[in-house]
Amino acid sequence: MSFLFRRPSDVPRMKPLSSRRTQIVSVLDIGSEKMSCMIGRLRPRPEGEVLRDRTHTIEVLGVGHQRSRGVKSGNVIDIEAAAKAIRATVDAAEAAAGLSVGSLIVSLTAGRLKSYRGSASLEPLAAITQSDVDFVESQAARIQFEPNRLALHSVPFDLAIDGEGGVENPVGMTAGTLSADMHVLTAEEAPLRNLEAALNEAHIEVEAFVATPYASALATLVEDEAAMGSAAIDMGSGTTTIAIFHNGRFVYADQVAIGGSHITMDLARGLSIHPADAERLKVVNASILPQIADEDDVITIPSLGEAGNDETVTVSRATIAKIVRPRVEEILELVRDRLNASNLGHVIGKRVVLTGGASQLSGLPDTARAILQRNVRLGRPVGVAGLTTAHKSPAFSAAVGLLIYPQVVHRETVATTSIAARMFDQSTKAGRFGTWLRRSI
C-alpha cells in the first residue's frame, strides 16, 4: 500500500480567534435525522475571567433546524436534496438572528474517521523558543497515511524535554531534546468532497470542517473531565461517534456505523408501523429496561397500510423495550470494543459522557454503566447563553460545540511542507546539513 503526505490546503482551516475582538460565528451541524444552524456572538472575557481555552462568552443569536434530506449515516447521497435542506436550515437561522452569514463552521461525521499518532524531536541550539515549539509540532503532524485520506485535525497532546513529558509551555527552558506527540484525525476524501459539493450547491462557504465527536466533546465535557481523562459518546441518528480527551486535549476519535435510526427501523419492522410513527414511539414511549415496563401499560398506534384506514396496533411498553434493548446493547458493546482497542482505557478511567439525540432513551445510562463498566452521565451542552430549553438538549451538543471550536483552533498545527522546514528535518540529508549549518553559524 502506498502512502503520501497531504497538503495542508486540502481542508479549509480557520484562523485563530482574536482575544480582543467580538466576532459573529455561524455553524452548521449536518446529521442524518436533522440539520441545525446556530449563529452566535463571541465576546472576549475580561482578563481576570478567562478560563482554560474559554477566552470568550458565547451568546446564541439565532437557531434554525430542519429535517435532514439527502444524507445517510453522515454521507451525502443526494447533493441536490442535501443542498435544499442546508439552505433552508441556514435561512431559518438567519431569519431568527436578523442577519446574514458569510461562512460557516461545518460538522463532519462521514469519511470513516480514523486517528493517527505522530512524534518528532528537535535539539534546540539554546533556550527553547516558540519557533522551536512550532517547528517540532509541525514535524510531528507530518503523518503518513493512505492517499485517499485528509488530515482534519492535528492536535498536540504532549510536549517533552529530555524525555520528560507533560510540559505545558517549554518556551525559555533549556533542554538537550524537545519532543512533541501529535494526534492527527483523518477522514476519507470522497465523502468530504461530496459534502463540499452540497454546501457549494447551497451557496455556503466553509470556514472549517470539525469532526462531530470533537465538537460534541467540547460542548459536554466539563474542564475537570477533559483534564483527568474522559470519553464523550455522541449517539446520533446514523452513527455513534467517540472522542477521548486527556490533559484537556483531544487525543483519539472513532465511530460506529449504527445509531438511533437503526432503533427506529427495528421498531417499524417489529411492529409493522410507519417509520415516522416508530420515531415518535421511540422518542416519547421507549425504554430499554423491560423489567420496569408494565405488560398491561399499552399504547395504540397506526398500523402500516394505506393512509386513512382505521387499523391500529396495540403494543405494551414491555414489548417496546424488548425490541429496543438488543440494538442499544449492540451499539454499546461496539463502543466498548472500540474503547478497548484504542489502548486508552487507562486514560478514560471511569468517566463516560453520553450525548446526541439517541442518548435520551429512558434507561440508557443504567444500561451503559453495566456494559461499559464505567460511570456514565448524560451530557447536555454547557457554557452558552441564549439557548431555549429545547436547544439545551443532547441533540444539539455538536452544534454548540461548533460554536466553542474557534476558541481552541489555536491548538491545532498544520504539517509544515515548506523548504525552510525540510532544511531542518533530521530524516533527510538536506535536513541534517541544514542543522549542521545552523549550528556552525
Protein backbone atom coordinates (compact mmCIF):
# COMPACT_ATOMS: atom_id res chain seq x y z
CA MET A 1 0.00 0.00 0.00
CA SER A 2 1.39 3.42 -0.94
CA PHE A 3 1.37 6.44 1.35
CA LEU A 4 1.50 10.17 0.68
CA PHE A 5 1.91 13.39 2.64
CA ARG A 6 -1.20 15.51 2.37
CA ARG A 7 -1.01 19.22 1.60
CA PRO A 8 -2.24 21.45 4.44
CA SER A 9 -4.50 23.30 1.98
CA ASP A 10 -6.62 20.20 1.30
CA VAL A 11 -9.09 21.03 4.08
CA PRO A 12 -10.39 24.55 4.90
CA ARG A 13 -8.78 25.83 8.11
CA MET A 14 -9.92 28.85 10.09
CA LYS A 15 -7.63 31.43 11.65
CA PRO A 16 -7.31 31.56 15.45
CA LEU A 17 -9.83 33.75 17.20
CA SER A 18 -8.69 37.22 18.26
CA SER A 19 -8.65 37.54 22.05
CA ARG A 20 -9.64 41.21 21.82
CA ARG A 21 -12.39 41.28 19.22
CA THR A 22 -16.06 40.38 19.29
CA GLN A 23 -16.91 38.06 16.44
CA ILE A 24 -20.06 36.61 14.89
CA VAL A 25 -19.70 32.88 14.26
CA SER A 26 -22.09 30.71 12.25
CA VAL A 27 -22.12 26.91 12.41
CA LEU A 28 -23.91 24.05 10.69
CA ASP A 29 -24.35 20.57 12.15
CA ILE A 30 -25.32 18.11 9.40
CA GLY A 31 -26.87 14.95 10.76
CA SER A 32 -28.78 12.10 9.20
CA GLU A 33 -32.00 12.99 11.05
CA LYS A 34 -31.76 16.78 11.32
CA MET A 35 -29.65 19.75 10.30
CA SER A 36 -29.02 22.57 12.77
CA CYS A 37 -27.61 26.02 12.15
CA MET A 38 -26.63 28.36 15.00
CA ILE A 39 -25.42 31.94 14.83
CA GLY A 40 -23.60 33.22 17.89
CA ARG A 41 -21.76 36.25 19.16
CA LEU A 42 -18.38 35.51 20.74
CA ARG A 43 -17.36 38.32 23.08
CA PRO A 44 -13.91 38.47 24.79
CA ARG A 45 -13.95 37.81 28.53
CA PRO A 46 -12.29 40.31 30.88
CA GLU A 47 -8.71 39.19 31.60
CA GLY A 48 -9.49 38.05 35.14
CA GLU A 49 -12.34 35.82 33.93
CA VAL A 50 -10.52 33.89 31.21
CA LEU A 51 -10.77 30.13 31.73
CA ARG A 52 -8.63 27.47 30.05
CA ASP A 53 -9.38 27.81 26.32
CA ARG A 54 -12.60 29.69 27.10
CA THR A 55 -11.49 33.17 26.16
CA HIS A 56 -14.93 34.33 25.00
CA THR A 57 -18.50 34.24 26.19
CA ILE A 58 -20.98 32.86 23.67
CA GLU A 59 -24.47 34.22 23.09
CA VAL A 60 -26.69 32.41 20.60
CA LEU A 61 -28.49 34.93 18.37
CA GLY A 62 -30.47 32.57 16.16
CA VAL A 63 -31.16 28.89 15.60
CA GLY A 64 -32.59 27.08 12.61
CA HIS A 65 -33.16 23.37 12.18
CA GLN A 66 -34.80 21.24 9.53
CA ARG A 67 -35.33 17.59 8.85
CA SER A 68 -32.26 16.25 7.08
CA ARG A 69 -32.56 15.31 3.42
CA GLY A 70 -30.08 13.66 1.09
CA VAL A 71 -27.87 12.43 3.95
CA LYS A 72 -27.46 8.91 5.33
CA SER A 73 -25.08 7.94 8.14
CA GLY A 74 -23.41 11.31 7.70
CA ASN A 75 -22.76 10.73 3.98
CA VAL A 76 -24.35 12.84 1.26
CA ILE A 77 -26.32 10.53 -1.00
CA ASP A 78 -28.27 13.20 -2.92
CA ILE A 79 -26.44 16.50 -3.45
CA GLU A 80 -29.49 18.45 -4.62
CA ALA A 81 -31.74 17.30 -1.76
CA ALA A 82 -29.00 17.93 0.80
CA ALA A 83 -28.34 21.40 -0.62
CA LYS A 84 -32.01 22.39 -0.34
CA ALA A 85 -32.17 21.20 3.28
CA ILE A 86 -28.93 23.03 4.12
CA ARG A 87 -30.17 26.26 2.54
CA ALA A 88 -33.50 26.07 4.39
CA THR A 89 -31.70 25.46 7.70
CA VAL A 90 -29.34 28.40 7.25
CA ASP A 91 -32.17 30.68 6.09
CA ALA A 92 -34.15 29.84 9.24
CA ALA A 93 -31.19 30.71 11.49
CA GLU A 94 -30.56 33.95 9.61
CA ALA A 95 -34.21 34.95 9.98
CA ALA A 96 -34.11 34.21 13.73
CA ALA A 97 -30.86 36.16 14.20
CA GLY A 98 -31.83 39.03 11.93
CA LEU A 99 -28.57 38.91 9.98
CA SER A 100 -26.88 37.15 7.10
CA VAL A 101 -23.85 34.87 7.37
CA GLY A 102 -20.82 34.77 5.11
CA SER A 103 -19.24 31.44 6.00
CA LEU A 104 -19.89 28.55 8.35
CA ILE A 105 -18.06 26.04 10.50
CA VAL A 106 -19.48 22.65 9.44
CA SER A 107 -19.55 19.32 11.28
CA LEU A 108 -18.25 16.16 9.64
CA THR A 109 -19.30 12.64 10.60
CA ALA A 110 -18.70 10.89 7.29
CA GLY A 111 -15.41 9.59 6.00
CA ARG A 112 -14.68 6.75 8.43
CA LEU A 113 -12.85 8.96 10.91
CA LYS A 114 -9.52 7.48 11.93
CA SER A 115 -6.90 8.63 14.45
CA TYR A 116 -3.14 8.54 13.88
CA ARG A 117 -0.31 9.41 16.24
CA GLY A 118 2.92 11.11 15.26
CA SER A 119 6.04 12.32 17.02
CA ALA A 120 9.12 14.40 16.31
CA SER A 121 12.16 15.69 18.19
CA LEU A 122 14.47 18.67 17.93
CA GLU A 123 17.79 19.54 19.57
CA PRO A 124 17.47 23.25 20.47
CA LEU A 125 20.58 25.40 19.99
CA ALA A 126 19.90 27.40 23.16
CA ALA A 127 16.89 28.11 25.35
CA ILE A 128 13.72 26.81 23.65
CA THR A 129 11.89 29.40 21.57
CA GLN A 130 8.33 29.49 20.28
CA SER A 131 9.76 28.82 16.82
CA ASP A 132 11.30 25.59 18.14
CA VAL A 133 7.93 24.50 19.54
CA ASP A 134 6.09 25.38 16.32
CA PHE A 135 8.65 23.51 14.24
CA VAL A 136 8.66 20.28 16.25
CA GLU A 137 4.87 20.24 16.39
CA SER A 138 4.58 20.80 12.63
CA GLN A 139 7.03 17.96 12.02
CA ALA A 140 5.08 15.65 14.32
CA ALA A 141 1.95 16.45 12.32
CA ARG A 142 3.52 15.11 9.12
CA ILE A 143 1.78 11.78 9.49
CA GLN A 144 1.92 9.27 6.68
CA PHE A 145 -1.47 7.82 5.78
CA GLU A 146 -3.38 6.41 2.84
CA PRO A 147 -3.67 8.76 -0.18
CA ASN A 148 -7.49 8.75 -0.05
CA ARG A 149 -7.46 10.44 3.37
CA LEU A 150 -7.23 14.06 4.52
CA ALA A 151 -5.96 15.44 7.82
CA LEU A 152 -8.95 17.01 9.56
CA HIS A 153 -7.41 17.93 12.95
CA SER A 154 -3.80 17.90 14.15
CA VAL A 155 -3.67 18.44 17.90
CA PRO A 156 -0.50 18.13 20.04
CA PHE A 157 -1.25 16.07 23.13
CA ASP A 158 2.17 16.05 24.80
CA LEU A 159 5.41 18.03 24.83
CA ALA A 160 8.53 16.62 26.46
CA ILE A 161 12.01 17.92 27.27
CA ASP A 162 14.78 15.35 27.60
CA GLY A 163 12.17 12.58 27.67
CA GLU A 164 10.06 14.05 30.48
CA GLY A 165 6.51 14.63 29.23
CA GLY A 166 3.64 16.74 30.48
CA VAL A 167 5.36 20.07 29.74
CA GLU A 168 2.70 22.74 29.26
CA ASN A 169 4.93 25.55 27.90
CA PRO A 170 8.63 24.81 27.29
CA VAL A 171 9.48 28.27 25.91
CA GLY A 172 12.50 29.65 27.75
CA MET A 173 13.55 26.27 29.15
CA THR A 174 16.92 24.68 28.44
CA ALA A 175 16.94 21.11 27.12
CA GLY A 176 19.02 18.75 25.03
CA THR A 177 15.92 17.48 23.22
CA LEU A 178 12.42 18.88 22.66
CA SER A 179 9.82 16.29 21.60
CA ALA A 180 6.18 16.51 20.54
CA ASP A 181 3.47 13.85 20.25
CA MET A 182 0.61 14.61 17.91
CA HIS A 183 -2.94 13.32 17.38
CA VAL A 184 -3.97 13.58 13.73
CA LEU A 185 -7.60 12.80 12.93
CA THR A 186 -8.23 11.91 9.30
CA ALA A 187 -11.26 11.38 7.09
CA GLU A 188 -11.74 9.79 3.68
CA GLU A 189 -11.60 12.42 0.95
CA ALA A 190 -14.58 11.40 -1.21
CA PRO A 191 -17.33 11.84 1.42
CA LEU A 192 -15.84 15.21 2.42
CA ARG A 193 -15.81 16.38 -1.21
CA ASN A 194 -19.42 15.26 -1.67
CA LEU A 195 -20.39 17.30 1.38
CA GLU A 196 -18.47 20.25 -0.03
CA ALA A 197 -20.39 19.89 -3.29
CA ALA A 198 -23.73 20.03 -1.44
CA LEU A 199 -22.59 23.10 0.50
CA ASN A 200 -21.44 24.80 -2.70
CA GLU A 201 -24.79 23.99 -4.29
CA ALA A 202 -26.43 25.75 -1.32
CA HIS A 203 -24.07 28.74 -1.80
CA ILE A 204 -22.36 28.09 1.53
CA GLU A 205 -18.69 28.95 2.07
CA VAL A 206 -16.95 26.59 4.51
CA GLU A 207 -14.71 28.22 7.09
CA ALA A 208 -13.68 24.90 8.63
CA PHE A 209 -14.75 21.29 8.95
CA VAL A 210 -14.88 19.95 12.51
CA ALA A 211 -15.28 16.28 13.41
CA THR A 212 -18.62 15.70 15.12
CA PRO A 213 -17.14 13.77 18.09
CA TYR A 214 -14.69 16.62 18.75
CA ALA A 215 -17.48 19.21 18.69
CA SER A 216 -19.77 17.18 20.95
CA ALA A 217 -16.99 16.67 23.49
CA LEU A 218 -16.21 20.41 23.55
CA ALA A 219 -19.85 21.13 24.40
CA THR A 220 -20.42 18.47 27.06
CA LEU A 221 -17.17 17.70 28.91
CA VAL A 222 -16.53 19.98 31.86
CA GLU A 223 -12.96 21.15 32.47
CA ASP A 224 -12.15 18.54 35.13
CA GLU A 225 -13.40 15.67 32.94
CA ALA A 226 -11.31 16.81 29.96
CA ALA A 227 -8.23 17.23 32.17
CA MET A 228 -8.48 13.92 34.06
CA GLY A 229 -9.47 11.88 31.01
CA SER A 230 -12.95 11.09 29.69
CA ALA A 231 -14.78 9.70 26.68
CA ALA A 232 -17.70 11.52 25.06
CA ILE A 233 -20.06 9.23 23.16
CA ASP A 234 -22.36 11.02 20.70
CA MET A 235 -25.27 8.76 19.75
CA GLY A 236 -26.58 10.27 16.55
CA SER A 237 -29.18 9.04 14.11
CA GLY A 238 -26.92 7.29 11.61
CA THR A 239 -23.68 6.88 13.57
CA THR A 240 -22.29 6.78 17.09
CA THR A 241 -19.03 8.68 17.50
CA ILE A 242 -16.36 8.56 20.20
CA ALA A 243 -13.98 11.28 21.38
CA ILE A 244 -11.35 10.82 24.11
CA PHE A 245 -9.82 13.75 25.97
CA HIS A 246 -6.82 13.70 28.32
CA ASN A 247 -4.97 16.57 29.97
CA GLY A 248 -7.52 18.83 28.35
CA ARG A 249 -6.50 17.67 24.86
CA PHE A 250 -8.30 15.77 22.12
CA VAL A 251 -6.31 12.53 21.82
CA TYR A 252 -8.48 9.99 19.96
CA ALA A 253 -11.66 9.56 17.92
CA ASP A 254 -13.57 6.68 16.39
CA GLN A 255 -17.08 5.83 15.25
CA VAL A 256 -19.60 3.02 14.92
CA ALA A 257 -21.90 2.96 11.90
CA ILE A 258 -25.06 2.36 13.96
CA GLY A 259 -27.27 4.93 15.62
CA GLY A 260 -30.78 5.96 16.59
CA SER A 261 -32.26 5.41 13.13
CA HIS A 262 -31.48 1.70 13.43
CA ILE A 263 -33.51 1.55 16.65
CA THR A 264 -36.35 3.32 14.84
CA MET A 265 -36.30 0.80 11.99
CA ASP A 266 -36.26 -2.11 14.46
CA LEU A 267 -39.50 -0.74 15.93
CA ALA A 268 -41.02 -0.12 12.50
CA ARG A 269 -40.28 -3.66 11.32
CA GLY A 270 -41.07 -5.35 14.62
CA LEU A 271 -44.48 -3.67 14.99
CA SER A 272 -45.32 -3.21 11.29
CA ILE A 273 -45.73 0.55 11.66
CA HIS A 274 -44.58 3.54 9.62
CA PRO A 275 -41.02 4.76 10.38
CA ALA A 276 -42.37 8.20 11.33
CA ASP A 277 -44.69 6.60 13.91
CA ALA A 278 -41.81 4.42 15.11
CA GLU A 279 -39.64 7.51 15.62
CA ARG A 280 -42.35 9.19 17.72
CA LEU A 281 -42.83 5.97 19.67
CA LYS A 282 -39.09 5.76 20.36
CA VAL A 283 -38.81 9.38 21.50
CA VAL A 284 -41.95 9.51 23.66
CA ASN A 285 -42.53 6.00 24.96
CA ALA A 286 -39.49 3.78 24.51
CA SER A 287 -37.46 2.41 27.42
CA ILE A 288 -34.69 -0.17 27.38
CA LEU A 289 -35.49 -1.64 30.77
CA PRO A 290 -38.14 -4.37 30.23
CA GLN A 291 -38.19 -5.24 33.93
CA ILE A 292 -39.73 -1.89 34.85
CA ALA A 293 -42.15 -1.76 31.90
CA ASP A 294 -45.70 -2.91 32.53
CA GLU A 295 -47.23 -5.52 30.19
CA ASP A 296 -50.64 -4.00 30.94
CA ASP A 297 -49.48 -0.47 30.04
CA VAL A 298 -50.35 -0.42 26.33
CA ILE A 299 -50.07 2.12 23.54
CA THR A 300 -52.18 2.31 20.37
CA ILE A 301 -50.51 3.43 17.16
CA PRO A 302 -51.49 3.40 13.45
CA SER A 303 -50.57 0.27 11.55
CA LEU A 304 -48.57 0.21 8.34
CA GLY A 305 -51.00 0.44 5.44
CA GLU A 306 -52.96 2.83 3.27
CA ALA A 307 -53.45 6.31 4.65
CA GLY A 308 -56.85 6.95 6.13
CA ASN A 309 -57.63 3.42 7.28
CA ASP A 310 -58.74 2.75 10.83
CA GLU A 311 -56.42 -0.14 11.58
CA THR A 312 -54.22 0.27 14.63
CA VAL A 313 -51.59 -1.67 16.54
CA THR A 314 -51.76 -2.07 20.30
CA VAL A 315 -48.43 -2.74 21.97
CA SER A 316 -47.23 -2.82 25.57
CA ARG A 317 -44.31 -0.77 26.83
CA ALA A 318 -42.61 -4.02 27.84
CA THR A 319 -42.75 -5.23 24.22
CA ILE A 320 -41.27 -1.93 23.01
CA ALA A 321 -38.41 -2.34 25.48
CA LYS A 322 -37.75 -5.90 24.29
CA ILE A 323 -37.42 -4.63 20.69
CA VAL A 324 -35.25 -1.62 21.54
CA ARG A 325 -32.86 -3.15 24.05
CA PRO A 326 -30.91 -5.59 21.79
CA ARG A 327 -29.96 -2.80 19.35
CA VAL A 328 -28.90 -0.47 22.18
CA GLU A 329 -26.81 -3.25 23.70
CA GLU A 330 -25.18 -3.87 20.31
CA ILE A 331 -24.22 -0.19 19.98
CA LEU A 332 -22.81 -0.03 23.49
CA GLU A 333 -20.88 -3.28 23.08
CA LEU A 334 -19.32 -1.95 19.86
CA VAL A 335 -18.41 1.28 21.66
CA ARG A 336 -16.86 -0.74 24.48
CA ASP A 337 -14.79 -2.72 21.98
CA ARG A 338 -13.60 0.48 20.26
CA LEU A 339 -12.61 2.00 23.58
CA ASN A 340 -10.64 -1.14 24.43
CA ALA A 341 -8.98 -1.16 21.01
CA SER A 342 -7.85 2.44 21.49
CA ASN A 343 -5.46 1.30 24.25
CA LEU A 344 -6.53 4.42 26.14
CA GLY A 345 -8.69 2.73 28.77
CA HIS A 346 -6.30 3.92 31.47
CA VAL A 347 -6.71 7.49 30.20
CA ILE A 348 -10.51 7.38 30.24
CA GLY A 349 -10.62 5.96 33.73
CA LYS A 350 -14.20 5.66 34.92
CA ARG A 351 -15.70 8.66 33.13
CA VAL A 352 -18.02 8.47 30.11
CA VAL A 353 -20.46 11.13 28.91
CA LEU A 354 -23.36 10.16 26.64
CA THR A 355 -24.84 12.78 24.34
CA GLY A 356 -26.63 13.09 20.99
CA GLY A 357 -30.30 12.65 20.14
CA ALA A 358 -30.41 8.88 20.69
CA SER A 359 -28.85 9.20 24.15
CA GLN A 360 -32.17 10.35 25.61
CA LEU A 361 -33.75 6.90 25.64
CA SER A 362 -35.15 6.07 29.05
CA GLY A 363 -32.86 3.73 30.98
CA LEU A 364 -29.87 4.20 28.68
CA PRO A 365 -27.38 5.46 31.34
CA ASP A 366 -28.04 2.40 33.52
CA THR A 367 -27.51 0.01 30.61
CA ALA A 368 -24.36 1.88 29.55
CA ARG A 369 -22.90 1.63 33.06
CA ALA A 370 -23.43 -2.15 33.04
CA ILE A 371 -21.88 -2.69 29.59
CA LEU A 372 -19.07 -0.11 29.64
CA GLN A 373 -18.23 -0.75 33.30
CA ARG A 374 -17.73 2.96 33.86
CA ASN A 375 -19.52 5.88 35.46
CA VAL A 376 -21.89 7.31 32.88
CA ARG A 377 -23.78 10.59 32.81
CA LEU A 378 -26.00 12.24 30.22
CA GLY A 379 -24.25 15.25 28.68
CA ARG A 380 -26.02 18.43 27.66
CA PRO A 381 -24.36 21.43 26.01
CA VAL A 382 -22.98 23.88 28.59
CA GLY A 383 -21.30 27.28 28.64
CA VAL A 384 -23.52 29.03 26.08
CA ALA A 385 -26.15 31.71 26.69
CA GLY A 386 -29.29 32.37 24.67
CA LEU A 387 -30.41 28.77 24.10
CA THR A 388 -34.03 27.80 24.61
CA THR A 389 -34.83 24.79 26.76
CA ALA A 390 -35.39 22.67 23.65
CA HIS A 391 -31.98 23.59 22.25
CA LYS A 392 -30.21 22.69 25.50
CA SER A 393 -30.90 19.01 24.86
CA PRO A 394 -28.17 16.45 23.98
CA ALA A 395 -29.42 16.51 20.39
CA PHE A 396 -27.80 19.94 19.92
CA SER A 397 -24.44 19.19 21.57
CA ALA A 398 -22.50 19.04 18.30
CA ALA A 399 -23.92 22.37 17.08
CA VAL A 400 -23.00 24.10 20.36
CA GLY A 401 -19.54 22.52 20.23
CA LEU A 402 -19.01 24.07 16.80
CA LEU A 403 -19.58 27.49 18.39
CA ILE A 404 -16.94 26.68 21.01
CA TYR A 405 -14.41 25.40 18.47
CA PRO A 406 -12.98 28.82 17.40
CA GLN A 407 -11.59 29.20 20.94
CA VAL A 408 -9.48 26.04 20.64
CA VAL A 409 -8.45 26.19 16.97
CA HIS A 410 -5.13 27.81 18.00
CA ARG A 411 -4.13 24.41 19.44
CA GLU A 412 -4.05 22.83 16.00
CA THR A 413 -0.88 22.50 13.95
CA VAL A 414 -0.61 22.24 10.19
CA ALA A 415 2.12 19.96 8.88
CA THR A 416 4.97 22.07 7.54
CA THR A 417 5.97 21.29 3.97
CA SER A 418 7.99 24.43 3.23
CA ILE A 419 11.60 24.41 2.06
CA ALA A 420 12.64 26.02 5.33
CA ALA A 421 11.04 23.18 7.32
CA ARG A 422 12.68 20.48 5.21
CA MET A 423 16.05 22.12 5.82
CA PHE A 424 15.83 21.04 9.48
CA ASP A 425 14.18 17.65 9.02
CA GLN A 426 16.63 15.16 10.56
CA SER A 427 15.26 12.30 8.44
CA THR A 428 16.75 13.82 5.25
CA LYS A 429 20.29 14.65 4.10
CA ALA A 430 19.20 18.23 3.45
CA GLY A 431 17.79 18.43 6.97
CA ARG A 432 20.97 17.13 8.58
CA PHE A 433 23.02 19.57 6.51
CA GLY A 434 20.70 22.42 7.49
CA THR A 435 21.08 21.58 11.18
CA TRP A 436 24.86 21.40 10.85
CA LEU A 437 24.87 24.75 9.07
CA ARG A 438 22.67 26.34 11.71
CA ARG A 439 24.97 25.07 14.49
CA SER A 440 28.04 26.30 12.64
CA ILE A 441 26.90 29.89 12.19
